[in-house]
Protein backbone atom coordinates (compact mmCIF):
# COMPACT_ATOMS: atom_id res chain seq x y z
CA MET A 1 0.00 0.00 0.00
CA THR A 2 1.75 3.14 -1.24
CA LEU A 3 0.54 6.57 -0.19
CA LEU A 4 1.43 10.18 -0.79
CA ALA A 5 1.76 12.43 2.27
CA ILE A 6 1.60 16.25 2.11
CA ASP A 7 1.87 18.98 4.73
CA THR A 8 2.05 22.72 4.03
CA ALA A 9 0.80 24.15 7.33
CA THR A 10 4.00 26.09 8.01
CA SER A 11 6.55 27.87 5.83
CA GLN A 12 7.90 24.41 4.98
CA VAL A 13 6.53 22.27 2.16
CA SER A 14 6.77 18.58 3.11
CA VAL A 15 6.13 15.71 0.72
CA ALA A 16 6.73 12.01 1.33
CA PHE A 17 5.84 8.68 -0.19
CA GLY A 18 5.34 5.77 2.16
CA ARG A 19 4.51 2.11 1.99
CA ASN A 20 3.11 0.03 4.84
CA GLY A 21 4.06 2.66 7.39
CA ARG A 22 7.63 3.13 6.15
CA VAL A 23 8.85 6.30 4.44
CA LEU A 24 10.32 5.62 1.00
CA GLY A 25 11.48 9.17 0.39
CA GLU A 26 10.85 12.71 1.56
CA VAL A 27 11.36 16.26 0.30
CA ARG A 28 11.32 19.33 2.54
CA ILE A 29 11.50 22.85 1.16
CA ASP A 30 11.54 25.89 3.41
CA GLY A 31 10.92 28.63 0.89
CA GLY A 32 8.70 31.08 2.71
CA ARG A 33 5.25 31.42 1.18
CA ARG A 34 5.87 29.85 -2.23
CA HIS A 35 3.82 26.72 -1.52
CA ALA A 36 1.80 26.94 -4.73
CA GLU A 37 4.96 27.01 -6.88
CA GLN A 38 6.85 24.38 -4.90
CA LEU A 39 4.38 21.64 -4.02
CA ALA A 40 3.55 20.10 -7.42
CA PRO A 41 7.22 20.06 -8.59
CA ALA A 42 8.24 18.46 -5.28
CA ILE A 43 5.67 15.69 -5.74
CA ALA A 44 6.74 15.09 -9.35
CA TYR A 45 10.46 15.08 -8.47
CA LEU A 46 10.08 12.63 -5.61
CA ALA A 47 7.81 10.32 -7.61
CA THR A 48 10.38 10.23 -10.42
CA GLU A 49 13.29 9.57 -8.08
CA LEU A 50 11.44 6.71 -6.41
CA GLY A 51 9.99 5.31 -9.62
CA ILE A 52 6.43 5.65 -8.34
CA GLU A 53 3.53 6.11 -10.71
CA LEU A 54 0.82 8.26 -9.18
CA SER A 55 -1.75 5.95 -10.72
CA ALA A 56 -0.41 3.20 -8.45
CA LEU A 57 -1.14 5.07 -5.22
CA ALA A 58 -3.52 3.54 -2.70
CA ALA A 59 -4.29 6.73 -0.76
CA VAL A 60 -3.40 10.36 -0.08
CA ALA A 61 -2.69 11.82 3.37
CA VAL A 62 -2.58 15.49 4.26
CA GLY A 63 -1.89 17.66 7.27
CA THR A 64 -5.04 19.69 7.89
CA GLY A 65 -3.56 22.43 10.07
CA PRO A 66 -3.98 24.68 11.87
CA GLY A 67 -1.39 26.71 10.03
CA LEU A 68 -0.69 29.65 7.77
CA TYR A 69 -3.81 30.29 5.73
CA THR A 70 -2.51 30.34 2.16
CA GLY A 71 0.00 27.52 2.48
CA LEU A 72 -2.45 25.27 4.30
CA ARG A 73 -5.10 25.84 1.65
CA VAL A 74 -2.61 24.88 -1.11
CA GLY A 75 -1.75 21.58 0.55
CA VAL A 76 -5.31 20.54 1.37
CA THR A 77 -6.64 21.54 -2.05
CA THR A 78 -3.84 19.66 -3.82
CA ALA A 79 -4.44 16.52 -1.75
CA ARG A 80 -8.19 16.67 -2.33
CA THR A 81 -7.77 17.21 -6.07
CA MET A 82 -5.34 14.31 -6.44
CA ALA A 83 -7.50 11.97 -4.37
CA GLN A 84 -10.57 12.87 -6.37
CA SER A 85 -8.91 12.58 -9.78
CA LEU A 86 -7.31 9.24 -8.90
CA ALA A 87 -10.41 7.94 -7.05
CA LEU A 88 -8.43 7.41 -3.84
CA PRO A 89 -9.36 7.51 -0.16
CA ILE A 90 -7.89 10.41 1.80
CA VAL A 91 -6.74 10.75 5.39
CA GLY A 92 -6.54 14.15 7.05
CA ILE A 93 -4.52 14.56 10.25
CA PRO A 94 -4.08 17.81 12.21
CA SER A 95 -0.62 19.26 11.69
CA LEU A 96 -0.10 19.89 15.41
CA ASP A 97 -0.43 16.11 15.92
CA LEU A 98 2.33 15.65 13.36
CA VAL A 99 4.62 18.01 15.26
CA ALA A 100 4.03 16.20 18.54
CA TYR A 101 4.04 12.56 17.38
CA PRO A 102 7.83 12.06 17.03
CA TRP A 103 8.14 12.74 20.80
CA ARG A 104 5.70 10.03 21.88
CA THR A 105 8.38 8.10 23.80
CA THR A 106 8.96 10.91 26.31
CA HIS A 107 7.51 10.81 29.82
CA ARG A 108 6.84 14.54 29.76
CA ARG A 109 3.87 16.57 28.60
CA VAL A 110 4.35 17.49 24.94
CA VAL A 111 3.14 20.90 23.81
CA ALA A 112 3.11 21.54 20.06
CA VAL A 113 3.31 25.24 19.16
CA LEU A 114 3.20 26.61 15.60
CA ASP A 115 3.71 30.24 14.65
CA ALA A 116 0.38 31.83 13.69
CA ARG A 117 1.91 35.26 13.01
CA ARG A 118 0.38 38.43 14.50
CA ARG A 119 2.12 37.54 17.82
CA GLU A 120 -0.05 34.44 18.20
CA VAL A 121 0.51 30.69 18.08
CA PHE A 122 -1.51 27.58 17.33
CA SER A 123 -1.07 24.98 20.04
CA ALA A 124 -2.16 21.65 21.48
CA GLN A 125 -1.03 19.62 24.49
CA TYR A 126 -0.45 15.87 24.68
CA TRP A 127 0.32 13.14 27.19
CA PRO A 128 2.30 10.02 26.17
CA VAL A 129 0.25 6.83 26.27
CA PRO A 130 1.13 3.28 25.19
CA GLY A 131 1.64 3.38 21.43
CA GLY A 132 1.49 7.14 20.95
CA LEU A 133 0.18 10.41 22.34
CA GLN A 134 -3.22 11.48 23.65
CA ARG A 135 -4.31 15.06 23.14
CA ASP A 136 -5.25 16.89 26.34
CA GLY A 137 -7.73 19.63 25.46
CA GLU A 138 -8.58 21.44 22.25
CA TYR A 139 -6.53 22.97 19.44
CA THR A 140 -6.14 26.64 20.31
CA VAL A 141 -4.87 29.94 18.95
CA GLY A 142 -3.69 32.79 21.14
CA PRO A 143 -0.68 34.64 22.54
CA PRO A 144 2.32 32.55 23.63
CA SER A 145 2.13 34.23 27.04
CA ALA A 146 -1.17 32.43 27.66
CA ILE A 147 0.49 29.05 27.08
CA ALA A 148 3.38 30.02 29.34
CA ALA A 149 0.98 30.98 32.11
CA ASP A 150 -0.92 27.71 31.76
CA LEU A 151 2.27 25.63 31.89
CA LEU A 152 3.49 27.53 34.94
CA ALA A 153 0.20 26.84 36.72
CA ARG A 154 0.31 23.12 35.85
CA GLY A 155 3.92 22.66 36.97
CA ASP A 156 4.54 19.64 34.69
CA ASP A 157 7.77 18.71 32.98
CA VAL A 158 7.21 19.82 29.39
CA LEU A 159 8.72 19.44 25.94
CA LEU A 160 7.87 22.39 23.69
CA VAL A 161 8.07 21.55 19.98
CA GLY A 162 7.30 23.48 16.81
CA ASP A 163 8.45 26.69 15.17
CA GLY A 164 6.26 28.79 17.47
CA ALA A 165 8.29 27.66 20.46
CA LEU A 166 11.43 28.91 18.72
CA VAL A 167 10.01 32.20 17.45
CA TYR A 168 8.61 33.07 20.88
CA ALA A 169 11.26 31.40 23.02
CA ASP A 170 11.46 34.53 25.18
CA SER A 171 7.89 33.86 26.38
CA PHE A 172 8.95 30.50 27.83
CA SER A 173 12.46 31.35 29.04
CA GLY A 174 11.43 31.75 32.69
CA LEU A 175 9.85 28.29 33.00
CA ASP A 176 12.28 25.96 34.78
CA ARG A 177 10.56 22.69 33.88
CA VAL A 178 10.10 23.46 30.19
CA GLU A 179 12.55 22.38 27.47
CA ILE A 180 12.34 23.83 23.98
CA VAL A 181 13.35 21.35 21.29
CA GLY A 182 15.52 22.79 18.50
CA PRO A 183 14.89 23.40 14.78
CA SER A 184 14.68 19.67 13.98
CA ALA A 185 11.21 19.71 15.59
CA ALA A 186 10.05 22.98 14.04
CA ALA A 187 7.72 21.70 11.30
CA PRO A 188 5.12 18.92 11.00
CA SER A 189 6.76 15.57 10.30
CA ALA A 190 5.97 13.89 6.98
CA THR A 191 7.30 10.67 8.52
CA ALA A 192 4.68 10.97 11.26
CA LEU A 193 2.02 11.61 8.61
CA VAL A 194 2.99 8.42 6.77
CA GLU A 195 2.95 6.32 9.95
CA LEU A 196 -0.31 7.70 11.31
CA ALA A 197 -2.10 7.64 7.95
CA CYS A 198 -1.08 4.04 7.21
CA ALA A 199 -2.39 2.97 10.62
CA ARG A 200 -5.71 4.71 9.97
CA LEU A 201 -6.00 3.19 6.51
CA GLU A 202 -5.55 -0.27 7.99
CA ARG A 203 -8.42 0.49 10.39
CA GLU A 204 -10.43 1.87 7.43
CA GLU A 205 -10.51 5.33 9.04
CA PHE A 206 -10.44 7.30 5.82
CA THR A 207 -12.88 9.54 4.03
CA THR A 208 -13.76 11.13 0.70
CA PRO A 209 -11.96 14.24 -0.61
CA ASP A 210 -14.93 16.58 -0.12
CA ARG A 211 -14.98 15.88 3.62
CA VAL A 212 -11.38 16.94 4.32
CA VAL A 213 -11.24 20.62 5.25
CA PRO A 214 -8.50 22.83 6.67
CA LEU A 215 -8.47 23.54 10.39
CA TYR A 216 -7.98 27.31 10.36
CA LEU A 217 -8.99 28.35 13.94
CA ARG A 218 -9.09 32.00 12.86
CA GLN A 219 -9.64 34.21 9.82
CA SER A 220 -6.91 34.89 7.28
CA ASP A 221 -4.89 38.10 7.60
CA ALA A 222 -6.79 39.52 4.60
CA GLN A 223 -10.15 38.81 6.24
CA ILE A 224 -8.99 40.34 9.53
CA ALA A 225 -7.85 43.48 7.71
CA TRP A 226 -11.14 43.67 5.79
CA THR A 227 -13.28 43.47 8.93
CA ALA A 228 -11.11 45.77 11.06
CA PRO A 229 -12.74 49.15 11.85
């Protein structure tokens, strides 16, 4: 079972092909906001290098955000279009889950934080459980200071992962029991998307392209500017 995995929730474009839970190849491009120009060529390049015909795919997986509005829309629309044109099932997984998943073997609380711009972050908190992570609470958007205050009140040992933790590191610098993971954990993991999507496909937890929608959590910058007084 070969699948294509796509995530464009951050400034990074991530594409991977996987088979039976194992990544066959991956491309990551951190080119700012050029997702629309970079995504299709990245898919074509990786398919050629791996000798994979898109017609032979069994499914498409995509990170559904939350994330930067334009980039996220490019990734989800591309995944939906490919799944529809190839008559494939699709699996959508929140991008914050993909940031947190590689740290499932820790004994600490994992907090995934992605830069939402405008001095805000998208975030979610997780506890490690046998076989993975369990989300504790909802996906949120707000100032990093609010997350810092919450973590201080809880008093748990915490791993902070994601580009938002790096961009706003000063907001968390006074928390003694919080460790910020470096740039290797900044973006959603395409490897995690392959592993999680393959597991869901085996359990037949997939859907049709029209039912996969981006998780925005707030309006785009253009919409905010339009509605501002």
